[in-house]
Amino acid sequence: MEKYEINHRVRQLFEYLGFGQNQFAEQIGISTSRMSNIVKNRNRPDSEMLQLILLRFRNVNADWLLTGEGEIEQKKPKKLTAEENIFALLMREKDQQLIALAAENGALKARLEALKKKIDYTDRNLAAEP
């Protein structure tokens, strides 16, 4: 297995869904720089990012995303009972909250990095502080 195969599948997925890499990053709540590092094979997606993808795009086949086996999209799910539908609705609402929080977290991290850059703050500054 090639080290960056999963990066290739992430690229395939956002192209398949009709998104550019920045749009896809926004959809799943990560920074565009994080997405760029994945597209350029500088980093691999971590478990948090993979979870965000699968939460946001319910039709994506997790086996395909993780291993490359199967098709990009899952087969149609079976008919759900009323209780299962209610549970699924509640889970989707919670998932949307998680995605929104992840997006907010990514935006706050990006803002913090921009502010650090603006004041020329580095980890060396931290060591120099009393």
N, C-alpha and C. Protein backbone atom coordinates (compact mmCIF):
# COMPACT_ATOMS: atom_id res chain seq x y z
N MET A 1 0.84 -1.19 0.00
CA MET A 1 0.00 0.00 0.00
C MET A 1 0.89 1.25 0.00
N GLU A 2 0.65 2.10 -0.93
CA GLU A 2 1.41 3.35 -1.04
C GLU A 2 1.04 4.28 0.12
N LYS A 3 2.03 5.03 0.60
CA LYS A 3 1.85 5.88 1.78
C LYS A 3 0.71 6.89 1.63
N TYR A 4 0.56 7.45 0.44
CA TYR A 4 -0.42 8.53 0.27
C TYR A 4 -1.64 8.11 -0.57
N GLU A 5 -1.95 6.83 -0.61
CA GLU A 5 -3.13 6.38 -1.37
C GLU A 5 -4.40 7.05 -0.89
N ILE A 6 -4.52 7.20 0.42
CA ILE A 6 -5.75 7.80 0.96
C ILE A 6 -5.87 9.25 0.52
N ASN A 7 -4.76 9.95 0.36
CA ASN A 7 -4.81 11.32 -0.14
C ASN A 7 -5.41 11.35 -1.54
N HIS A 8 -5.01 10.38 -2.35
CA HIS A 8 -5.55 10.29 -3.70
C HIS A 8 -7.06 10.07 -3.67
N ARG A 9 -7.53 9.22 -2.74
CA ARG A 9 -8.97 8.97 -2.64
C ARG A 9 -9.70 10.22 -2.17
N VAL A 10 -9.11 11.00 -1.26
CA VAL A 10 -9.75 12.25 -0.83
C VAL A 10 -9.88 13.19 -2.04
N ARG A 11 -8.82 13.29 -2.84
CA ARG A 11 -8.89 14.12 -4.06
C ARG A 11 -9.97 13.60 -5.01
N GLN A 12 -10.00 12.28 -5.21
CA GLN A 12 -11.03 11.68 -6.07
C GLN A 12 -12.42 12.03 -5.56
N LEU A 13 -12.60 11.97 -4.24
CA LEU A 13 -13.91 12.21 -3.65
C LEU A 13 -14.37 13.63 -3.89
N PHE A 14 -13.52 14.63 -3.61
CA PHE A 14 -14.03 15.99 -3.79
C PHE A 14 -14.25 16.32 -5.25
N GLU A 15 -13.47 15.72 -6.14
CA GLU A 15 -13.72 15.91 -7.57
C GLU A 15 -15.01 15.23 -7.98
N TYR A 16 -15.23 14.02 -7.48
CA TYR A 16 -16.45 13.26 -7.76
C TYR A 16 -17.69 14.04 -7.30
N LEU A 17 -17.56 14.69 -6.13
CA LEU A 17 -18.69 15.46 -5.59
C LEU A 17 -18.84 16.83 -6.24
N GLY A 18 -17.88 17.21 -7.08
CA GLY A 18 -17.97 18.48 -7.79
C GLY A 18 -17.44 19.67 -7.01
N PHE A 19 -16.57 19.42 -6.04
CA PHE A 19 -15.99 20.51 -5.25
C PHE A 19 -14.53 20.73 -5.63
N GLY A 20 -14.08 21.98 -5.46
CA GLY A 20 -12.65 22.26 -5.48
C GLY A 20 -12.13 21.93 -4.09
N GLN A 21 -10.80 21.91 -3.93
CA GLN A 21 -10.26 21.51 -2.64
C GLN A 21 -10.65 22.48 -1.52
N ASN A 22 -10.70 23.78 -1.79
CA ASN A 22 -11.09 24.74 -0.75
C ASN A 22 -12.56 24.62 -0.39
N GLN A 23 -13.40 24.39 -1.37
CA GLN A 23 -14.83 24.18 -1.10
C GLN A 23 -15.04 22.94 -0.26
N PHE A 24 -14.31 21.89 -0.60
CA PHE A 24 -14.43 20.64 0.14
C PHE A 24 -13.98 20.84 1.59
N ALA A 25 -12.87 21.54 1.77
CA ALA A 25 -12.38 21.82 3.13
C ALA A 25 -13.44 22.56 3.94
N GLU A 26 -14.09 23.52 3.31
CA GLU A 26 -15.15 24.28 3.98
C GLU A 26 -16.33 23.37 4.33
N GLN A 27 -16.68 22.47 3.42
CA GLN A 27 -17.80 21.56 3.63
C GLN A 27 -17.59 20.66 4.85
N ILE A 28 -16.34 20.23 5.06
CA ILE A 28 -16.09 19.31 6.18
C ILE A 28 -15.53 20.00 7.41
N GLY A 29 -15.31 21.32 7.31
CA GLY A 29 -14.91 22.08 8.49
C GLY A 29 -13.44 22.02 8.84
N ILE A 30 -12.57 21.98 7.81
CA ILE A 30 -11.14 22.05 8.08
C ILE A 30 -10.57 23.25 7.35
N SER A 31 -9.36 23.63 7.71
CA SER A 31 -8.74 24.80 7.08
C SER A 31 -8.30 24.45 5.65
N THR A 32 -8.23 25.47 4.83
CA THR A 32 -7.80 25.25 3.45
C THR A 32 -6.32 24.87 3.41
N SER A 33 -5.53 25.35 4.36
CA SER A 33 -4.11 24.98 4.38
C SER A 33 -3.96 23.50 4.73
N ARG A 34 -4.78 23.01 5.64
CA ARG A 34 -4.75 21.58 5.99
C ARG A 34 -5.11 20.74 4.76
N MET A 35 -6.13 21.18 4.03
CA MET A 35 -6.54 20.47 2.83
C MET A 35 -5.44 20.51 1.78
N SER A 36 -4.80 21.66 1.63
CA SER A 36 -3.73 21.81 0.66
C SER A 36 -2.58 20.85 0.97
N ASN A 37 -2.25 20.70 2.25
CA ASN A 37 -1.18 19.78 2.64
C ASN A 37 -1.52 18.33 2.31
N ILE A 38 -2.80 18.01 2.35
CA ILE A 38 -3.22 16.65 2.00
C ILE A 38 -3.14 16.46 0.49
N VAL A 39 -3.64 17.44 -0.26
CA VAL A 39 -3.60 17.36 -1.73
C VAL A 39 -2.16 17.28 -2.23
N LYS A 40 -1.25 17.98 -1.57
CA LYS A 40 0.17 18.00 -1.99
C LYS A 40 0.98 16.86 -1.36
N ASN A 41 0.31 15.93 -0.67
CA ASN A 41 0.95 14.78 -0.03
C ASN A 41 2.00 15.17 1.01
N ARG A 42 1.80 16.30 1.65
CA ARG A 42 2.67 16.69 2.76
C ARG A 42 2.23 16.00 4.05
N ASN A 43 0.92 15.80 4.17
CA ASN A 43 0.33 15.12 5.33
C ASN A 43 -0.74 14.17 4.83
N ARG A 44 -1.07 13.21 5.68
CA ARG A 44 -2.19 12.32 5.39
C ARG A 44 -3.37 12.76 6.24
N PRO A 45 -4.58 12.50 5.79
CA PRO A 45 -5.75 12.86 6.61
C PRO A 45 -5.74 12.04 7.90
N ASP A 46 -6.08 12.71 9.00
CA ASP A 46 -6.14 12.00 10.28
C ASP A 46 -7.54 11.45 10.49
N SER A 47 -7.72 10.72 11.57
CA SER A 47 -9.02 10.08 11.83
C SER A 47 -10.13 11.11 12.00
N GLU A 48 -9.81 12.27 12.57
CA GLU A 48 -10.82 13.32 12.74
C GLU A 48 -11.34 13.78 11.38
N MET A 49 -10.43 14.01 10.45
CA MET A 49 -10.84 14.47 9.12
C MET A 49 -11.66 13.41 8.40
N LEU A 50 -11.24 12.16 8.49
CA LEU A 50 -11.99 11.08 7.84
C LEU A 50 -13.39 10.97 8.43
N GLN A 51 -13.48 11.15 9.74
CA GLN A 51 -14.79 11.11 10.39
C GLN A 51 -15.66 12.27 9.90
N LEU A 52 -15.08 13.46 9.79
CA LEU A 52 -15.83 14.61 9.30
C LEU A 52 -16.35 14.37 7.88
N ILE A 53 -15.54 13.75 7.04
CA ILE A 53 -15.97 13.44 5.67
C ILE A 53 -17.17 12.50 5.71
N LEU A 54 -17.05 11.44 6.50
CA LEU A 54 -18.13 10.44 6.54
C LEU A 54 -19.38 10.97 7.22
N LEU A 55 -19.23 11.90 8.15
CA LEU A 55 -20.41 12.50 8.78
C LEU A 55 -21.11 13.45 7.82
N ARG A 56 -20.34 14.22 7.07
CA ARG A 56 -20.91 15.21 6.16
C ARG A 56 -21.51 14.57 4.91
N PHE A 57 -20.84 13.54 4.41
CA PHE A 57 -21.28 12.89 3.17
C PHE A 57 -21.66 11.44 3.48
N ARG A 58 -22.90 11.26 3.92
CA ARG A 58 -23.39 9.97 4.38
C ARG A 58 -23.38 8.88 3.32
N ASN A 59 -23.40 9.28 2.06
CA ASN A 59 -23.44 8.29 0.99
C ASN A 59 -22.06 7.76 0.60
N VAL A 60 -21.00 8.33 1.18
CA VAL A 60 -19.65 7.86 0.87
C VAL A 60 -19.41 6.52 1.55
N ASN A 61 -18.87 5.61 0.81
CA ASN A 61 -18.56 4.27 1.30
C ASN A 61 -17.29 4.35 2.16
N ALA A 62 -17.41 4.09 3.45
CA ALA A 62 -16.27 4.17 4.37
C ALA A 62 -15.18 3.17 3.98
N ASP A 63 -15.57 1.98 3.53
CA ASP A 63 -14.57 1.00 3.09
C ASP A 63 -13.74 1.54 1.94
N TRP A 64 -14.41 2.18 0.99
CA TRP A 64 -13.68 2.75 -0.14
C TRP A 64 -12.74 3.85 0.34
N LEU A 65 -13.24 4.75 1.18
CA LEU A 65 -12.42 5.86 1.65
C LEU A 65 -11.18 5.37 2.39
N LEU A 66 -11.36 4.39 3.26
CA LEU A 66 -10.25 3.91 4.10
C LEU A 66 -9.33 2.93 3.39
N THR A 67 -9.88 2.07 2.54
CA THR A 67 -9.06 1.00 1.96
C THR A 67 -8.97 1.03 0.44
N GLY A 68 -9.89 1.75 -0.20
CA GLY A 68 -9.93 1.76 -1.65
C GLY A 68 -10.76 0.64 -2.24
N GLU A 69 -11.37 -0.18 -1.37
CA GLU A 69 -12.17 -1.30 -1.85
C GLU A 69 -13.63 -0.90 -1.99
N GLY A 70 -14.26 -1.36 -3.07
CA GLY A 70 -15.66 -1.03 -3.30
C GLY A 70 -15.82 0.23 -4.13
N GLU A 71 -17.01 0.75 -4.13
CA GLU A 71 -17.35 1.95 -4.89
C GLU A 71 -17.32 3.18 -3.99
N ILE A 72 -17.24 4.35 -4.60
CA ILE A 72 -17.22 5.60 -3.82
C ILE A 72 -18.51 5.74 -3.00
N GLU A 73 -19.64 5.44 -3.63
CA GLU A 73 -20.92 5.58 -2.93
C GLU A 73 -21.41 4.24 -2.42
N GLN A 74 -22.09 4.30 -1.27
CA GLN A 74 -22.69 3.11 -0.68
C GLN A 74 -23.94 2.71 -1.46
N LYS A 75 -24.29 1.47 -1.31
CA LYS A 75 -25.57 1.01 -1.85
C LYS A 75 -26.70 1.65 -1.05
N LYS A 76 -27.89 1.69 -1.63
CA LYS A 76 -29.05 2.26 -0.95
C LYS A 76 -29.33 1.50 0.34
N PRO A 77 -29.55 2.22 1.45
CA PRO A 77 -29.84 1.53 2.71
C PRO A 77 -31.24 0.93 2.71
N LYS A 78 -31.45 -0.04 3.61
CA LYS A 78 -32.77 -0.67 3.74
C LYS A 78 -33.76 0.33 4.32
N LYS A 79 -35.04 0.04 4.19
CA LYS A 79 -36.09 0.88 4.78
C LYS A 79 -35.95 0.86 6.29
N LEU A 80 -36.06 2.03 6.91
CA LEU A 80 -35.94 2.13 8.35
C LEU A 80 -37.32 2.16 9.01
N THR A 81 -37.36 1.69 10.25
CA THR A 81 -38.59 1.79 11.04
C THR A 81 -38.75 3.23 11.49
N ALA A 82 -39.90 3.58 12.05
CA ALA A 82 -40.15 4.93 12.54
C ALA A 82 -39.13 5.31 13.62
N GLU A 83 -38.85 4.36 14.53
CA GLU A 83 -37.89 4.63 15.61
C GLU A 83 -36.49 4.86 15.04
N GLU A 84 -36.13 4.05 14.04
CA GLU A 84 -34.81 4.21 13.41
C GLU A 84 -34.72 5.55 12.68
N ASN A 85 -35.80 5.97 12.06
CA ASN A 85 -35.82 7.27 11.38
C ASN A 85 -35.63 8.42 12.36
N ILE A 86 -36.30 8.34 13.51
CA ILE A 86 -36.16 9.38 14.53
C ILE A 86 -34.72 9.40 15.05
N PHE A 87 -34.19 8.23 15.33
CA PHE A 87 -32.81 8.14 15.81
C PHE A 87 -31.84 8.70 14.76
N ALA A 88 -32.04 8.34 13.50
CA ALA A 88 -31.17 8.82 12.42
C ALA A 88 -31.26 10.34 12.30
N LEU A 89 -32.45 10.89 12.45
CA LEU A 89 -32.62 12.34 12.39
C LEU A 89 -31.87 13.02 13.53
N LEU A 90 -32.01 12.48 14.73
CA LEU A 90 -31.29 13.04 15.88
C LEU A 90 -29.78 12.95 15.68
N MET A 91 -29.32 11.85 15.14
CA MET A 91 -27.88 11.68 14.90
C MET A 91 -27.39 12.66 13.84
N ARG A 92 -28.18 12.87 12.79
CA ARG A 92 -27.79 13.84 11.76
C ARG A 92 -27.68 15.24 12.35
N GLU A 93 -28.62 15.59 13.24
CA GLU A 93 -28.57 16.91 13.89
C GLU A 93 -27.30 17.03 14.71
N LYS A 94 -26.96 16.00 15.48
CA LYS A 94 -25.73 16.01 16.28
C LYS A 94 -24.50 16.07 15.38
N ASP A 95 -24.55 15.32 14.28
CA ASP A 95 -23.43 15.34 13.34
C ASP A 95 -23.23 16.73 12.75
N GLN A 96 -24.33 17.39 12.42
CA GLN A 96 -24.23 18.75 11.88
C GLN A 96 -23.63 19.70 12.92
N GLN A 97 -23.99 19.50 14.18
CA GLN A 97 -23.40 20.30 15.25
C GLN A 97 -21.90 20.04 15.34
N LEU A 98 -21.49 18.78 15.23
CA LEU A 98 -20.06 18.45 15.27
C LEU A 98 -19.32 19.08 14.09
N ILE A 99 -19.92 19.03 12.93
CA ILE A 99 -19.29 19.62 11.75
C ILE A 99 -19.17 21.13 11.92
N ALA A 100 -20.21 21.75 12.44
CA ALA A 100 -20.17 23.20 12.67
C ALA A 100 -19.09 23.55 13.69
N LEU A 101 -18.98 22.76 14.74
CA LEU A 101 -17.95 23.01 15.75
C LEU A 101 -16.55 22.80 15.17
N ALA A 102 -16.40 21.79 14.33
CA ALA A 102 -15.11 21.55 13.69
C ALA A 102 -14.75 22.71 12.76
N ALA A 103 -15.73 23.22 12.04
CA ALA A 103 -15.49 24.38 11.16
C ALA A 103 -15.11 25.60 11.98
N GLU A 104 -15.81 25.82 13.09
CA GLU A 104 -15.49 26.94 13.97
C GLU A 104 -14.10 26.78 14.55
N ASN A 105 -13.76 25.56 14.96
CA ASN A 105 -12.45 25.28 15.50
C ASN A 105 -11.36 25.58 14.46
N GLY A 106 -11.58 25.13 13.23
CA GLY A 106 -10.63 25.39 12.16
C GLY A 106 -10.47 26.88 11.89
N ALA A 107 -11.58 27.61 11.91
CA ALA A 107 -11.52 29.05 11.68
C ALA A 107 -10.78 29.75 12.82
N LEU A 108 -11.02 29.31 14.05
CA LEU A 108 -10.32 29.91 15.20
C LEU A 108 -8.83 29.61 15.16
N LYS A 109 -8.47 28.40 14.76
CA LYS A 109 -7.05 28.06 14.64
C LYS A 109 -6.38 28.92 13.57
N ALA A 110 -7.06 29.09 12.45
CA ALA A 110 -6.51 29.92 11.38
C ALA A 110 -6.36 31.36 11.84
N ARG A 111 -7.35 31.86 12.57
CA ARG A 111 -7.28 33.24 13.09
C ARG A 111 -6.13 33.39 14.07
N LEU A 112 -5.95 32.39 14.95
CA LEU A 112 -4.86 32.43 15.91
C LEU A 112 -3.52 32.44 15.20
N GLU A 113 -3.37 31.61 14.19
CA GLU A 113 -2.12 31.59 13.43
C GLU A 113 -1.87 32.92 12.73
N ALA A 114 -2.93 33.53 12.19
CA ALA A 114 -2.79 34.84 11.54
C ALA A 114 -2.37 35.89 12.54
N LEU A 115 -2.97 35.84 13.73
CA LEU A 115 -2.60 36.80 14.77
C LEU A 115 -1.16 36.59 15.24
N LYS A 116 -0.74 35.35 15.38
CA LYS A 116 0.65 35.07 15.76
C LYS A 116 1.61 35.62 14.72
N LYS A 117 1.25 35.41 13.45
CA LYS A 117 2.09 35.91 12.37
C LYS A 117 2.16 37.43 12.39
N LYS A 118 1.01 38.05 12.65
CA LYS A 118 0.93 39.51 12.67
C LYS A 118 1.84 40.11 13.73
N ILE A 119 1.92 39.45 14.89
CA ILE A 119 2.77 39.99 15.96
C ILE A 119 4.13 39.30 16.00
N ASP A 120 4.42 38.46 14.99
CA ASP A 120 5.69 37.75 14.88
C ASP A 120 5.94 36.90 16.11
N TYR A 121 4.92 36.16 16.52
CA TYR A 121 5.01 35.31 17.70
C TYR A 121 5.50 33.91 17.30
N THR A 122 6.46 33.40 18.03
CA THR A 122 6.96 32.03 17.79
C THR A 122 7.04 31.31 19.13
N ASP A 123 7.34 30.02 19.06
CA ASP A 123 7.52 29.25 20.28
C ASP A 123 8.73 29.75 21.07
N ARG A 124 9.69 30.36 20.39
CA ARG A 124 10.84 30.93 21.10
C ARG A 124 10.39 32.07 22.00
N ASN A 125 9.35 32.82 21.59
CA ASN A 125 8.82 33.88 22.45
C ASN A 125 8.31 33.31 23.76
N LEU A 126 7.69 32.14 23.69
CA LEU A 126 7.14 31.51 24.88
C LEU A 126 8.25 31.18 25.87
N ALA A 127 9.38 30.66 25.38
CA ALA A 127 10.50 30.31 26.26
C ALA A 127 11.09 31.56 26.90
N ALA A 128 11.01 32.69 26.23
CA ALA A 128 11.58 33.93 26.75
C ALA A 128 10.69 34.61 27.78
N GLU A 129 9.41 34.22 27.81
CA GLU A 129 8.48 34.87 28.77
C GLU A 129 8.78 34.40 30.19
N PRO A 130 8.62 35.31 31.19
CA PRO A 130 8.90 34.93 32.59
C PRO A 130 7.87 33.96 33.13
